[in-house]
C-alpha atoms as a PDB file:
ATOM      1  CA  MET A   1      40.429 -24.107   4.329  1.00  0.00           C
ATOM      2  CA  LEU A   2      41.888 -27.254   2.229  1.00  0.00           C
ATOM      3  CA  GLU A   3      42.133 -26.761  -1.512  1.00  0.00           C
ATOM      4  CA  ILE A   4      43.019 -30.001  -3.419  1.00  0.00           C
ATOM      5  CA  ASP A   5      43.334 -30.519  -6.823  1.00  0.00           C
ATOM      6  CA  GLY A   6      42.218 -34.276  -7.426  1.00  0.00           C
ATOM      7  CA  SER A   7      43.415 -34.674 -11.049  1.00  0.00           C
ATOM      8  CA  ILE A   8      47.150 -34.039  -9.604  1.00  0.00           C
ATOM      9  CA  LYS A   9      49.394 -37.100  -9.095  1.00  0.00           C
ATOM     10  CA  SER A  10      47.659 -40.353  -9.033  1.00  0.00           C
ATOM     11  CA  GLY A  11      44.657 -38.525  -9.713  1.00  0.00           C
ATOM     12  CA  SER A  12      42.097 -41.617  -8.153  1.00  0.00           C
ATOM     13  CA  GLY A  13      40.329 -42.022  -5.358  1.00  0.00           C
ATOM     14  CA  THR A  14      42.534 -42.284  -3.064  1.00  0.00           C
ATOM     15  CA  MET A  15      43.573 -38.454  -3.518  1.00  0.00           C
ATOM     16  CA  LEU A  16      39.661 -38.078  -2.179  1.00  0.00           C
ATOM     17  CA  ARG A  17      39.773 -41.056   0.355  1.00  0.00           C
ATOM     18  CA  LEU A  18      42.870 -39.565   2.455  1.00  0.00           C
ATOM     19  CA  SER A  19      42.023 -35.831   1.772  1.00  0.00           C
ATOM     20  CA  VAL A  20      38.705 -36.450   3.536  1.00  0.00           C
ATOM     21  CA  ALA A  21      40.096 -38.432   6.374  1.00  0.00           C
ATOM     22  CA  PHE A  22      43.111 -35.697   6.810  1.00  0.00           C
ATOM     23  CA  SER A  23      40.493 -32.871   7.094  1.00  0.00           C
ATOM     24  CA  ALA A  24      38.395 -35.202   9.751  1.00  0.00           C
ATOM     25  CA  ILE A  25      41.375 -35.515  11.949  1.00  0.00           C
ATOM     26  CA  THR A  26      42.618 -31.955  11.725  1.00  0.00           C
ATOM     27  CA  GLY A  27      39.536 -30.120  12.015  1.00  0.00           C
ATOM     28  CA  GLN A  28      40.536 -28.481   8.677  1.00  0.00           C
ATOM     29  CA  PRO A  29      37.647 -27.329   5.961  1.00  0.00           C
ATOM     30  CA  LEU A  30      38.274 -29.598   2.518  1.00  0.00           C
ATOM     31  CA  HIS A  31      37.546 -28.190  -0.593  1.00  0.00           C
ATOM     32  CA  MET A  32      38.440 -30.724  -3.495  1.00  0.00           C
ATOM     33  CA  PHE A  33      37.524 -30.259  -7.170  1.00  0.00           C
ATOM     34  CA  ASN A  34      38.428 -32.342 -10.215  1.00  0.00           C
ATOM     35  CA  ILE A  35      37.730 -35.384  -8.300  1.00  0.00           C
ATOM     36  CA  ARG A  36      39.163 -38.390 -10.092  1.00  0.00           C
ATOM     37  CA  ALA A  37      39.270 -36.535 -13.349  1.00  0.00           C
ATOM     38  CA  LYS A  38      42.309 -38.835 -14.905  1.00  0.00           C
ATOM     39  CA  ARG A  39      39.086 -41.720 -15.242  1.00  0.00           C
ATOM     40  CA  SER A  40      37.331 -42.771 -17.590  1.00  0.00           C
ATOM     41  CA  ASN A  41      34.517 -42.184 -15.396  1.00  0.00           C
ATOM     42  CA  PRO A  42      35.513 -39.200 -13.524  1.00  0.00           C
ATOM     43  CA  GLY A  43      33.668 -38.147 -10.258  1.00  0.00           C
ATOM     44  CA  LEU A  44      32.183 -39.816  -7.427  1.00  0.00           C
ATOM     45  CA  ARG A  45      31.444 -43.631  -8.062  1.00  0.00           C
ATOM     46  CA  PRO A  46      28.906 -44.727  -5.210  1.00  0.00           C
ATOM     47  CA  GLN A  47      31.556 -46.438  -3.295  1.00  0.00           C
ATOM     48  CA  HIS A  48      33.591 -43.560  -3.242  1.00  0.00           C
ATOM     49  CA  LEU A  49      30.145 -40.906  -2.309  1.00  0.00           C
ATOM     50  CA  GLU A  50      29.534 -43.711   0.720  1.00  0.00           C
ATOM     51  CA  ALA A  51      32.848 -43.465   2.093  1.00  0.00           C
ATOM     52  CA  VAL A  52      32.901 -39.381   2.243  1.00  0.00           C
ATOM     53  CA  LEU A  53      29.394 -40.065   3.769  1.00  0.00           C
ATOM     54  CA  THR A  54      30.633 -42.329   6.358  1.00  0.00           C
ATOM     55  CA  ALA A  55      33.299 -39.962   7.427  1.00  0.00           C
ATOM     56  CA  ALA A  56      30.827 -36.976   8.063  1.00  0.00           C
ATOM     57  CA  LYS A  57      28.836 -39.175   9.946  1.00  0.00           C
ATOM     58  CA  LEU A  58      31.578 -40.019  12.248  1.00  0.00           C
ATOM     59  CA  CYS A  59      32.573 -36.215  12.739  1.00  0.00           C
ATOM     60  CA  ARG A  60      29.295 -34.842  12.077  1.00  0.00           C
ATOM     61  CA  ALA A  61      30.743 -33.194   8.880  1.00  0.00           C
ATOM     62  CA  ARG A  62      28.627 -30.595   6.730  1.00  0.00           C
ATOM     63  CA  VAL A  63      28.982 -31.876   2.747  1.00  0.00           C
ATOM     64  CA  GLU A  64      28.264 -30.180  -0.258  1.00  0.00           C
ATOM     65  CA  GLY A  65      28.737 -31.739  -3.426  1.00  0.00           C
ATOM     66  CA  ALA A  66      28.239 -35.158  -2.493  1.00  0.00           C
ATOM     67  CA  ARG A  67      26.524 -37.261  -5.027  1.00  0.00           C
ATOM     68  CA  VAL A  68      27.275 -40.166  -7.958  1.00  0.00           C
ATOM     69  CA  GLY A  69      29.453 -38.376 -10.643  1.00  0.00           C
ATOM     70  CA  SER A  70      29.987 -35.016  -8.727  1.00  0.00           C
ATOM     71  CA  MET A  71      33.930 -33.762  -9.331  1.00  0.00           C
ATOM     72  CA  GLU A  72      34.043 -31.262  -6.687  1.00  0.00           C
ATOM     73  CA  ILE A  73      32.455 -31.436  -2.918  1.00  0.00           C
ATOM     74  CA  THR A  74      33.312 -29.391   0.250  1.00  0.00           C
ATOM     75  CA  PHE A  75      33.622 -30.906   3.394  1.00  0.00           C
ATOM     76  CA  GLU A  76      33.483 -29.027   6.523  1.00  0.00           C
ATOM     77  CA  PRO A  77      33.981 -31.636   9.922  1.00  0.00           C
ATOM     78  CA  GLY A  78      33.377 -31.122  13.470  1.00  0.00           C
ATOM     79  CA  PRO A  79      34.771 -33.194  16.466  1.00  0.00           C
ATOM     80  CA  ILE A  80      34.995 -36.943  15.972  1.00  0.00           C
ATOM     81  CA  GLU A  81      32.730 -38.491  18.652  1.00  0.00           C
ATOM     82  CA  GLY A  82      32.649 -41.773  17.942  1.00  0.00           C
ATOM     83  CA  GLY A  83      29.879 -44.369  18.517  1.00  0.00           C
ATOM     84  CA  THR A  84      27.575 -46.659  16.217  1.00  0.00           C
ATOM     85  CA  VAL A  85      27.874 -45.805  12.497  1.00  0.00           C
ATOM     86  CA  ARG A  86      26.247 -47.962   9.225  1.00  0.00           C
ATOM     87  CA  ALA A  87      27.386 -47.600   5.585  1.00  0.00           C
ATOM     88  CA  GLU A  88      25.911 -49.263   3.039  1.00  0.00           C
ATOM     89  CA  ILE A  89      27.891 -49.113  -0.792  1.00  0.00           C
ATOM     90  CA  GLY A  90      25.036 -50.806  -3.083  1.00  0.00           C
ATOM     91  CA  THR A  91      27.459 -51.801  -5.310  1.00  0.00           C
ATOM     92  CA  ALA A  92      30.291 -54.256  -5.827  1.00  0.00           C
ATOM     93  CA  GLY A  93      32.400 -51.390  -4.419  1.00  0.00           C
ATOM     94  CA  SER A  94      35.338 -52.169  -2.332  1.00  0.00           C
ATOM     95  CA  ILE A  95      34.620 -52.327   1.498  1.00  0.00           C
ATOM     96  CA  PRO A  96      38.458 -52.324   1.818  1.00  0.00           C
ATOM     97  CA  MET A  97      39.074 -49.261   0.479  1.00  0.00           C
ATOM     98  CA  LEU A  98      36.097 -47.789   2.860  1.00  0.00           C
ATOM     99  CA  ILE A  99      37.644 -48.705   5.720  1.00  0.00           C
ATOM    100  CA  MET A 100      40.766 -47.359   4.874  1.00  0.00           C
ATOM    101  CA  THR A 101      38.582 -43.603   4.295  1.00  0.00           C
ATOM    102  CA  ILE A 102      37.287 -43.853   7.604  1.00  0.00           C
ATOM    103  CA  LEU A 103      39.925 -46.212  10.088  1.00  0.00           C
ATOM    104  CA  PRO A 104      42.388 -43.024  10.513  1.00  0.00           C
ATOM    105  CA  ILE A 105      39.716 -41.316  11.726  1.00  0.00           C
ATOM    106  CA  CYS A 106      38.098 -43.935  14.226  1.00  0.00           C
ATOM    107  CA  ILE A 107      41.772 -43.601  15.692  1.00  0.00           C
ATOM    108  CA  PHE A 108      41.129 -40.455  17.311  1.00  0.00           C
ATOM    109  CA  ALA A 109      37.510 -40.255  18.254  1.00  0.00           C
ATOM    110  CA  LYS A 110      36.466 -39.547  21.942  1.00  0.00           C
ATOM    111  CA  SER A 111      35.137 -42.643  22.262  1.00  0.00           C
ATOM    112  CA  PRO A 112      34.560 -46.832  20.774  1.00  0.00           C
ATOM    113  CA  VAL A 113      33.869 -46.651  17.311  1.00  0.00           C
ATOM    114  CA  ARG A 114      31.859 -49.672  15.617  1.00  0.00           C
ATOM    115  CA  VAL A 115      30.898 -49.551  11.651  1.00  0.00           C
ATOM    116  CA  LEU A 116      28.633 -51.635  10.151  1.00  0.00           C
ATOM    117  CA  ILE A 117      29.179 -51.537   6.022  1.00  0.00           C
ATOM    118  CA  ASP A 118      26.650 -53.182   3.941  1.00  0.00           C
ATOM    119  CA  LYS A 119      25.912 -54.183   0.420  1.00  0.00           C
ATOM    120  CA  GLY A 120      29.498 -53.818  -0.944  1.00  0.00           C
ATOM    121  CA  GLY A 121      32.566 -55.648  -2.258  1.00  0.00           C
ATOM    122  CA  THR A 122      35.064 -57.669   0.083  1.00  0.00           C
ATOM    123  CA  ASP A 123      37.119 -59.211  -2.642  1.00  0.00           C
ATOM    124  CA  VAL A 124      37.086 -57.063  -5.629  1.00  0.00           C
ATOM    125  CA  ARG A 125      40.067 -55.804  -8.056  1.00  0.00           C
ATOM    126  CA  HIS A 126      41.933 -52.826  -7.684  1.00  0.00           C
ATOM    127  CA  SER A 127      41.582 -53.308  -3.558  1.00  0.00           C
ATOM    128  CA  PRO A 128      43.196 -55.569  -1.075  1.00  0.00           C
ATOM    129  CA  THR A 129      41.277 -57.960   0.060  1.00  0.00           C
ATOM    130  CA  ILE A 130      38.956 -58.275   3.206  1.00  0.00           C
ATOM    131  CA  ASN A 131      41.509 -60.847   4.627  1.00  0.00           C
ATOM    132  CA  TYR A 132      44.776 -59.056   3.766  1.00  0.00           C
ATOM    133  CA  MET A 133      43.447 -56.253   5.800  1.00  0.00           C
ATOM    134  CA  ARG A 134      42.214 -58.574   8.730  1.00  0.00           C
ATOM    135  CA  PHE A 135      45.668 -60.298   8.818  1.00  0.00           C
ATOM    136  CA  VAL A 136      48.377 -58.078   7.437  1.00  0.00           C
ATOM    137  CA  PHE A 137      47.273 -54.758   7.390  1.00  0.00           C
ATOM    138  CA  LEU A 138      45.766 -54.911  11.209  1.00  0.00           C
ATOM    139  CA  PRO A 139      48.291 -56.604  12.758  1.00  0.00           C
ATOM    140  CA  VAL A 140      51.372 -54.192  11.025  1.00  0.00           C
ATOM    141  CA  LEU A 141      49.135 -51.349  12.464  1.00  0.00           C
ATOM    142  CA  ALA A 142      48.801 -53.081  15.760  1.00  0.00           C
ATOM    143  CA  ARG A 143      52.910 -52.029  16.392  1.00  0.00           C
ATOM    144  CA  MET A 144      51.805 -48.299  16.044  1.00  0.00           C
ATOM    145  CA  GLY A 145      49.281 -49.191  19.095  1.00  0.00           C
ATOM    146  CA  VAL A 146      46.463 -49.015  16.623  1.00  0.00           C
ATOM    147  CA  LYS A 147      43.475 -51.478  17.995  1.00  0.00           C
ATOM    148  CA  ALA A 148      41.225 -52.277  15.545  1.00  0.00           C
ATOM    149  CA  ARG A 149      39.369 -55.272  14.589  1.00  0.00           C
ATOM    150  CA  ILE A 150      37.540 -56.719  11.042  1.00  0.00           C
ATOM    151  CA  ARG A 151      34.833 -58.835  11.166  1.00  0.00           C
ATOM    152  CA  VAL A 152      33.084 -60.650   7.943  1.00  0.00           C
ATOM    153  CA  LEU A 153      29.893 -60.733   7.833  1.00  0.00           C
ATOM    154  CA  ARG A 154      29.327 -61.949   4.165  1.00  0.00           C
ATOM    155  CA  TYR A 155      32.162 -62.257   1.477  1.00  0.00           C
ATOM    156  CA  GLY A 156      31.011 -60.182  -1.419  1.00  0.00           C
ATOM    157  CA  TYR A 157      32.383 -60.437  -5.181  1.00  0.00           C
ATOM    158  CA  TYR A 158      32.136 -58.716  -7.907  1.00  0.00           C
ATOM    159  CA  PRO A 159      29.541 -57.958 -10.017  1.00  0.00           C
ATOM    160  CA  ARG A 160      26.892 -57.977  -7.077  1.00  0.00           C
ATOM    161  CA  GLY A 161      28.434 -57.526  -4.084  1.00  0.00           C
ATOM    162  CA  MET A 162      26.677 -57.761  -1.126  1.00  0.00           C
ATOM    163  CA  GLY A 163      28.858 -58.499   1.359  1.00  0.00           C
ATOM    164  CA  ALA A 164      29.204 -57.271   4.624  1.00  0.00           C
ATOM    165  CA  ALA A 165      31.543 -56.426   7.427  1.00  0.00           C
ATOM    166  CA  GLU A 166      32.068 -54.811  10.550  1.00  0.00           C
ATOM    167  CA  LEU A 167      35.106 -52.518  11.488  1.00  0.00           C
ATOM    168  CA  SER A 168      35.575 -52.076  15.588  1.00  0.00           C
ATOM    169  CA  VAL A 169      37.868 -49.511  17.162  1.00  0.00           C
ATOM    170  CA  GLN A 170      39.730 -48.272  20.275  1.00  0.00           C
ATOM    171  CA  PRO A 171      40.835 -44.542  19.731  1.00  0.00           C
ATOM    172  CA  VAL A 172      44.222 -44.377  21.352  1.00  0.00           C
ATOM    173  CA  ARG A 173      45.610 -40.617  22.463  1.00  0.00           C
ATOM    174  CA  ALA A 174      48.738 -40.794  20.295  1.00  0.00           C
ATOM    175  CA  LEU A 175      50.487 -43.242  17.621  1.00  0.00           C
ATOM    176  CA  LYS A 176      53.663 -44.630  17.976  1.00  0.00           C
ATOM    177  CA  PRO A 177      56.577 -44.563  15.684  1.00  0.00           C
ATOM    178  CA  LEU A 178      56.964 -47.637  13.041  1.00  0.00           C
ATOM    179  CA  VAL A 179      60.883 -48.616  12.648  1.00  0.00           C
ATOM    180  CA  LEU A 180      61.097 -51.701  10.009  1.00  0.00           C
ATOM    181  CA  GLU A 181      64.629 -51.150   8.233  1.00  0.00           C
ATOM    182  CA  GLU A 182      65.854 -55.163   8.770  1.00  0.00           C
ATOM    183  CA  PHE A 183      64.027 -58.300   7.221  1.00  0.00           C
ATOM    184  CA  GLY A 184      65.572 -60.920   9.565  1.00  0.00           C
ATOM    185  CA  SER A 185      64.854 -64.371   8.990  1.00  0.00           C
ATOM    186  CA  VAL A 186      61.199 -66.187   7.900  1.00  0.00           C
ATOM    187  CA  GLU A 187      59.624 -67.330  10.816  1.00  0.00           C
ATOM    188  CA  GLU A 188      56.148 -68.372   9.437  1.00  0.00           C
ATOM    189  CA  VAL A 189      54.038 -68.384   6.073  1.00  0.00           C
ATOM    190  CA  ARG A 190      50.264 -68.576   6.621  1.00  0.00           C
ATOM    191  CA  GLY A 191      47.176 -68.224   4.463  1.00  0.00           C
ATOM    192  CA  ILE A 192      43.490 -67.963   4.040  1.00  0.00           C
ATOM    193  CA  SER A 193      42.331 -69.241   0.794  1.00  0.00           C
ATOM    194  CA  VAL A 194      38.479 -68.895   0.605  1.00  0.00           C
ATOM    195  CA  CYS A 195      35.454 -69.608  -1.664  1.00  0.00           C
ATOM    196  CA  THR A 196      31.883 -68.915  -1.521  1.00  0.00           C
ATOM    197  CA  PHE A 197      29.398 -71.358  -3.056  1.00  0.00           C
ATOM    198  CA  LEU A 198      32.343 -73.227  -4.987  1.00  0.00           C
ATOM    199  CA  GLU A 199      32.638 -75.909  -2.877  1.00  0.00           C
ATOM    200  CA  GLU A 200      31.722 -78.895  -5.528  1.00  0.00           C
ATOM    201  CA  ARG A 201      34.721 -77.720  -7.878  1.00  0.00           C
ATOM    202  CA  LYS A 202      36.541 -77.637  -4.813  1.00  0.00           C
ATOM    203  CA  VAL A 203      37.661 -74.434  -5.401  1.00  0.00           C
ATOM    204  CA  ALA A 204      39.567 -73.274  -2.192  1.00  0.00           C
ATOM    205  CA  ASP A 205      41.555 -76.317  -2.003  1.00  0.00           C
ATOM    206  CA  ARG A 206      43.055 -75.762  -5.393  1.00  0.00           C
ATOM    207  CA  GLN A 207      44.089 -72.285  -5.020  1.00  0.00           C
ATOM    208  CA  ALA A 208      45.699 -73.323  -1.562  1.00  0.00           C
ATOM    209  CA  LYS A 209      47.427 -76.452  -3.009  1.00  0.00           C
ATOM    210  CA  ALA A 210      48.939 -74.218  -6.363  1.00  0.00           C
ATOM    211  CA  ALA A 211      50.320 -71.795  -3.825  1.00  0.00           C
ATOM    212  CA  ARG A 212      51.729 -74.285  -1.620  1.00  0.00           C
ATOM    213  CA  LYS A 213      53.597 -76.108  -4.573  1.00  0.00           C
ATOM    214  CA  ILE A 214      55.155 -72.474  -5.769  1.00  0.00           C
ATOM    215  CA  LEU A 215      55.991 -71.826  -1.883  1.00  0.00           C
ATOM    216  CA  ALA A 216      57.555 -75.088  -1.622  1.00  0.00           C
ATOM    217  CA  LYS A 217      59.631 -74.924  -4.664  1.00  0.00           C
ATOM    218  CA  GLU A 218      61.627 -71.927  -2.830  1.00  0.00           C
ATOM    219  CA  GLY A 219      61.842 -73.994   0.470  1.00  0.00           C
ATOM    220  CA  LEU A 220      58.984 -72.492   2.311  1.00  0.00           C
ATOM    221  CA  GLU A 221      55.638 -74.455   4.274  1.00  0.00           C
ATOM    222  CA  ALA A 222      52.689 -72.572   4.053  1.00  0.00           C
ATOM    223  CA  ASP A 223      49.983 -73.213   6.326  1.00  0.00           C
ATOM    224  CA  ILE A 224      47.059 -72.207   4.817  1.00  0.00           C
ATOM    225  CA  GLU A 225      43.813 -72.567   6.029  1.00  0.00           C
ATOM    226  CA  VAL A 226      40.646 -73.161   3.325  1.00  0.00           C
ATOM    227  CA  ILE A 227      37.613 -72.259   4.025  1.00  0.00           C
ATOM    228  CA  TYR A 228      34.520 -73.092   2.579  1.00  0.00           C
ATOM    229  CA  ASP A 229      31.804 -70.100   2.837  1.00  0.00           C
ATOM    230  CA  ARG A 230      28.113 -69.948   2.087  1.00  0.00           C
ATOM    231  CA  SER A 231      27.381 -66.409   3.568  1.00  0.00           C
ATOM    232  CA  ASN A 232      26.379 -65.136  -0.080  1.00  0.00           C
ATOM    233  CA  PRO A 233      24.234 -66.939  -1.868  1.00  0.00           C
ATOM    234  CA  VAL A 234      23.854 -64.591  -4.210  1.00  0.00           C
ATOM    235  CA  GLN A 235      27.354 -64.004  -5.331  1.00  0.00           C
ATOM    236  CA  ARG A 236      29.888 -66.591  -6.056  1.00  0.00           C
ATOM    237  CA  GLY A 237      33.861 -65.745  -5.965  1.00  0.00           C
ATOM    238  CA  SER A 238      36.815 -67.079  -4.309  1.00  0.00           C
ATOM    239  CA  SER A 239      40.493 -64.814  -3.152  1.00  0.00           C
ATOM    240  CA  ILE A 240      43.460 -65.784  -1.162  1.00  0.00           C
ATOM    241  CA  VAL A 241      46.065 -63.920   0.944  1.00  0.00           C
ATOM    242  CA  LEU A 242      49.751 -65.384   1.842  1.00  0.00           C
ATOM    243  CA  TRP A 243      51.482 -63.614   4.621  1.00  0.00           C
ATOM    244  CA  ALA A 244      55.063 -64.333   5.942  1.00  0.00           C
ATOM    245  CA  LYS A 245      56.336 -63.007   9.340  1.00  0.00           C
ATOM    246  CA  THR A 246      59.673 -62.317  10.249  1.00  0.00           C
ATOM    247  CA  ASP A 247      61.950 -62.042  13.256  1.00  0.00           C
ATOM    248  CA  ARG A 248      62.239 -58.929  13.332  1.00  0.00           C
ATOM    249  CA  GLY A 249      58.285 -58.186  13.145  1.00  0.00           C
ATOM    250  CA  VAL A 250      57.945 -57.750   9.601  1.00  0.00           C
ATOM    251  CA  ILE A 251      54.824 -59.139   7.712  1.00  0.00           C
ATOM    252  CA  LEU A 252      54.645 -59.501   3.884  1.00  0.00           C
ATOM    253  CA  GLY A 253      50.950 -60.118   2.353  1.00  0.00           C
ATOM    254  CA  SER A 254      49.822 -60.840  -1.387  1.00  0.00           C
ATOM    255  CA  ASP A 255      46.519 -61.792  -2.110  1.00  0.00           C
ATOM    256  CA  ALA A 256      44.935 -62.665  -5.326  1.00  0.00           C
ATOM    257  CA  ILE A 257      41.053 -62.979  -6.353  1.00  0.00           C
ATOM    258  CA  GLY A 258      39.075 -65.433  -8.222  1.00  0.00           C
ATOM    259  CA  GLU A 259      37.569 -64.035 -11.378  1.00  0.00           C
ATOM    260  CA  LEU A 260      35.294 -65.703 -14.230  1.00  0.00           C
ATOM    261  CA  GLY A 261      36.766 -68.003 -16.448  1.00  0.00           C
ATOM    262  CA  LYS A 262      40.460 -67.641 -14.126  1.00  0.00           C
ATOM    263  CA  PRO A 263      41.229 -71.442 -12.966  1.00  0.00           C
ATOM    264  CA  ALA A 264      41.747 -71.183  -9.346  1.00  0.00           C
ATOM    265  CA  GLU A 265      45.136 -72.661 -10.068  1.00  0.00           C
ATOM    266  CA  GLN A 266      45.882 -69.282 -11.435  1.00  0.00           C
ATOM    267  CA  VAL A 267      44.771 -67.572  -8.575  1.00  0.00           C
ATOM    268  CA  GLY A 268      47.226 -69.555  -5.851  1.00  0.00           C
ATOM    269  CA  ARG A 269      49.749 -69.048  -8.012  1.00  0.00           C
ATOM    270  CA  GLU A 270      49.395 -65.618  -8.361  1.00  0.00           C
ATOM    271  CA  ALA A 271      49.172 -64.913  -4.847  1.00  0.00           C
ATOM    272  CA  ALA A 272      51.995 -67.283  -4.332  1.00  0.00           C
ATOM    273  CA  GLU A 273      54.447 -65.581  -6.581  1.00  0.00           C
ATOM    274  CA  GLY A 274      53.207 -62.057  -5.420  1.00  0.00           C
ATOM    275  CA  LEU A 275      54.404 -63.127  -1.904  1.00  0.00           C
ATOM    276  CA  LEU A 276      57.688 -64.116  -3.124  1.00  0.00           C
ATOM    277  CA  ALA A 277      58.848 -61.388  -4.973  1.00  0.00           C
ATOM    278  CA  GLU A 278      58.660 -59.446  -1.549  1.00  0.00           C
ATOM    279  CA  LEU A 279      60.955 -61.948   0.337  1.00  0.00           C
ATOM    280  CA  ARG A 280      63.349 -61.917  -2.137  1.00  0.00           C
ATOM    281  CA  ALA A 281      63.846 -58.213  -2.113  1.00  0.00           C
ATOM    282  CA  ARG A 282      63.849 -58.809   1.657  1.00  0.00           C
ATOM    283  CA  ALA A 283      61.057 -55.828   2.063  1.00  0.00           C
ATOM    284  CA  THR A 284      59.853 -54.451   4.970  1.00  0.00           C
ATOM    285  CA  ALA A 285      56.700 -53.615   3.736  1.00  0.00           C
ATOM    286  CA  ASP A 286      55.134 -55.069   0.712  1.00  0.00           C
ATOM    287  CA  VAL A 287      54.296 -52.538  -2.099  1.00  0.00           C
ATOM    288  CA  HIS A 288      50.782 -52.142  -0.983  1.00  0.00           C
ATOM    289  CA  MET A 289      51.609 -51.809   2.216  1.00  0.00           C
ATOM    290  CA  ALA A 290      54.093 -49.024   1.800  1.00  0.00           C
ATOM    291  CA  ASP A 291      51.535 -46.187   0.530  1.00  0.00           C
ATOM    292  CA  MET A 292      48.488 -47.607   3.022  1.00  0.00           C
ATOM    293  CA  LEU A 293      50.971 -46.924   6.178  1.00  0.00           C
ATOM    294  CA  VAL A 294      51.526 -43.135   4.867  1.00  0.00           C
ATOM    295  CA  PRO A 295      48.700 -41.678   7.039  1.00  0.00           C
ATOM    296  CA  TYR A 296      49.527 -43.368  10.174  1.00  0.00           C
ATOM    297  CA  VAL A 297      53.393 -42.716   9.955  1.00  0.00           C
ATOM    298  CA  ALA A 298      52.759 -38.972   8.793  1.00  0.00           C
ATOM    299  CA  LEU A 299      50.205 -38.894  12.174  1.00  0.00           C
ATOM    300  CA  ALA A 300      52.605 -40.567  14.564  1.00  0.00           C
ATOM    301  CA  GLU A 301      55.190 -38.422  16.777  1.00  0.00           C
ATOM    302  CA  GLY A 302      58.669 -38.808  15.950  1.00  0.00           C
ATOM    303  CA  ARG A 303      60.479 -41.001  12.709  1.00  0.00           C
ATOM    304  CA  SER A 304      59.400 -43.998  11.108  1.00  0.00           C
ATOM    305  CA  ALA A 305      60.772 -46.043   7.808  1.00  0.00           C
ATOM    306  CA  TYR A 306      60.199 -48.745   6.245  1.00  0.00           C
ATOM    307  CA  LEU A 307      61.844 -50.768   3.005  1.00  0.00           C
ATOM    308  CA  THR A 308      59.594 -51.462   0.261  1.00  0.00           C
ATOM    309  CA  ARG A 309      60.541 -52.608  -3.445  1.00  0.00           C
ATOM    310  CA  GLY A 310      58.904 -50.284  -5.335  1.00  0.00           C
ATOM    311  CA  LEU A 311      57.813 -46.879  -5.612  1.00  0.00           C
ATOM    312  CA  THR A 312      53.691 -46.461  -7.148  1.00  0.00           C
ATOM    313  CA  ASP A 313      51.554 -43.657  -8.051  1.00  0.00           C
ATOM    314  CA  HIS A 314      49.780 -44.416  -5.014  1.00  0.00           C
ATOM    315  CA  LEU A 315      52.495 -43.656  -2.092  1.00  0.00           C
ATOM    316  CA  ASP A 316      53.625 -40.491  -4.239  1.00  0.00           C
ATOM    317  CA  ALA A 317      50.368 -39.095  -3.698  1.00  0.00           C
ATOM    318  CA  ASN A 318      49.572 -40.165  -0.338  1.00  0.00           C
ATOM    319  CA  ILE A 319      53.077 -38.466   0.759  1.00  0.00           C
ATOM    320  CA  TRP A 320      52.784 -35.437  -1.331  1.00  0.00           C
ATOM    321  CA  LEU A 321      49.265 -35.084   0.696  1.00  0.00           C
ATOM    322  CA  ALA A 322      50.660 -36.256   3.988  1.00  0.00           C
ATOM    323  CA  GLU A 323      53.063 -33.233   3.433  1.00  0.00           C
ATOM    324  CA  LYS A 324      50.729 -30.342   2.273  1.00  0.00           C
ATOM    325  CA  ILE A 325      47.977 -31.174   5.178  1.00  0.00           C
ATOM    326  CA  LEU A 326      49.966 -32.169   7.803  1.00  0.00           C
ATOM    327  CA  GLY A 327      53.399 -30.155   7.020  1.00  0.00           C
ATOM    328  CA  VAL A 328      55.224 -33.763   7.775  1.00  0.00           C
ATOM    329  CA  LYS A 329      58.596 -34.837   5.719  1.00  0.00           C
ATOM    330  CA  PHE A 330      59.248 -37.774   3.716  1.00  0.00           C
ATOM    331  CA  ARG A 331      62.275 -38.346   2.216  1.00  0.00           C
ATOM    332  CA  ILE A 332      62.909 -41.683  -0.088  1.00  0.00           C
ATOM    333  CA  GLN A 333      66.267 -43.274  -0.535  1.00  0.00           C
ATOM    334  CA  LYS A 334      67.374 -45.991  -2.618  1.00  0.00           C
ATOM    335  CA  ILE A 335      69.594 -48.794  -0.637  1.00  0.00           C
ATOM    336  CA  ASP A 336      70.714 -51.709  -2.259  1.00  0.00           C
ATOM    337  CA  GLY A 337      67.923 -52.430  -4.561  1.00  0.00           C
ATOM    338  CA  LEU A 338      64.976 -50.959  -2.254  1.00  0.00           C
ATOM    339  CA  TYR A 339      63.295 -47.859  -1.530  1.00  0.00           C
ATOM    340  CA  ARG A 340      63.481 -46.384   2.506  1.00  0.00           C
ATOM    341  CA  VAL A 341      60.570 -44.323   3.150  1.00  0.00           C
ATOM    342  CA  GLU A 342      61.151 -42.083   6.233  1.00  0.00           C
ATOM    343  CA  LYS A 343      58.986 -39.615   7.495  1.00  0.00           C
ATOM    344  CA  THR A 344      61.621 -37.837   9.184  1.00  0.00           C
ATOM    345  CA  ALA A 345      61.120 -36.430  13.126  1.00  0.00           C
END
């Protein structure tokens, strides 16, 4: 049985999510304790609990300790079957973070998987936005052979959430390695600026205009789609995601969300400045993508490598877990101000 102390490394929910995913994929039972022990509200929160329960549905796992506030669980997986699964978070907990738990599992299912996720947050703090997942994360994973699609049914924001999304995955037999060691030249910059029931204040337009202005100062012309959404009448909100593609297959992204008292112009500037930081560094994986890629390159055959501008706690924790559970080896080297993350063959 895998024994994982959730208080080490980042001590965050990421430790739980990735441990459960690796357990399901390898078929090894998991005992995890001290879950989120370093957080001010330790233990399972509703979004973590639903991630565990949804993973359990996918692989018919037997779970003990699965309740809000629990700091210890046992997860005993069975075969990953596929089919249609439903999840309901019930708060503004992050739908993208739940997807990050279950997507690696779905890839190795016996048949196609469809997951309907309801009553959660699509665009909330401390999480990628749903459109970052759709237009940055999944296109990068597609280079590895991942066949997945996310459809937004309702946008959801803090504090009430009530968002919904659908994840569809076609299983693959094996993942391809990912080698992104050359930045190349920027071919295009695109984005999506969305707001829900805020059209009278032109929030989506203002976010996009502020982002275009910042990028234009660097000689970059951005094609940003503006969406005035009316899918969720109970919770207003907004977000913007920007991404750049290069002629070497690199996709770099940056996003930002609206908050009460935060001007739309600030949201747009925040996303644009984040993207410029990646482009100036000539990274091949943005700082968020760098840790999100770890489970996939760990599960792929052969050598993978990419360049990122920073080493985060999540990156460190994900590498530690991959090495401990899967027996793979990673190497990090600093090269010309960037960090090369390499999974050796």
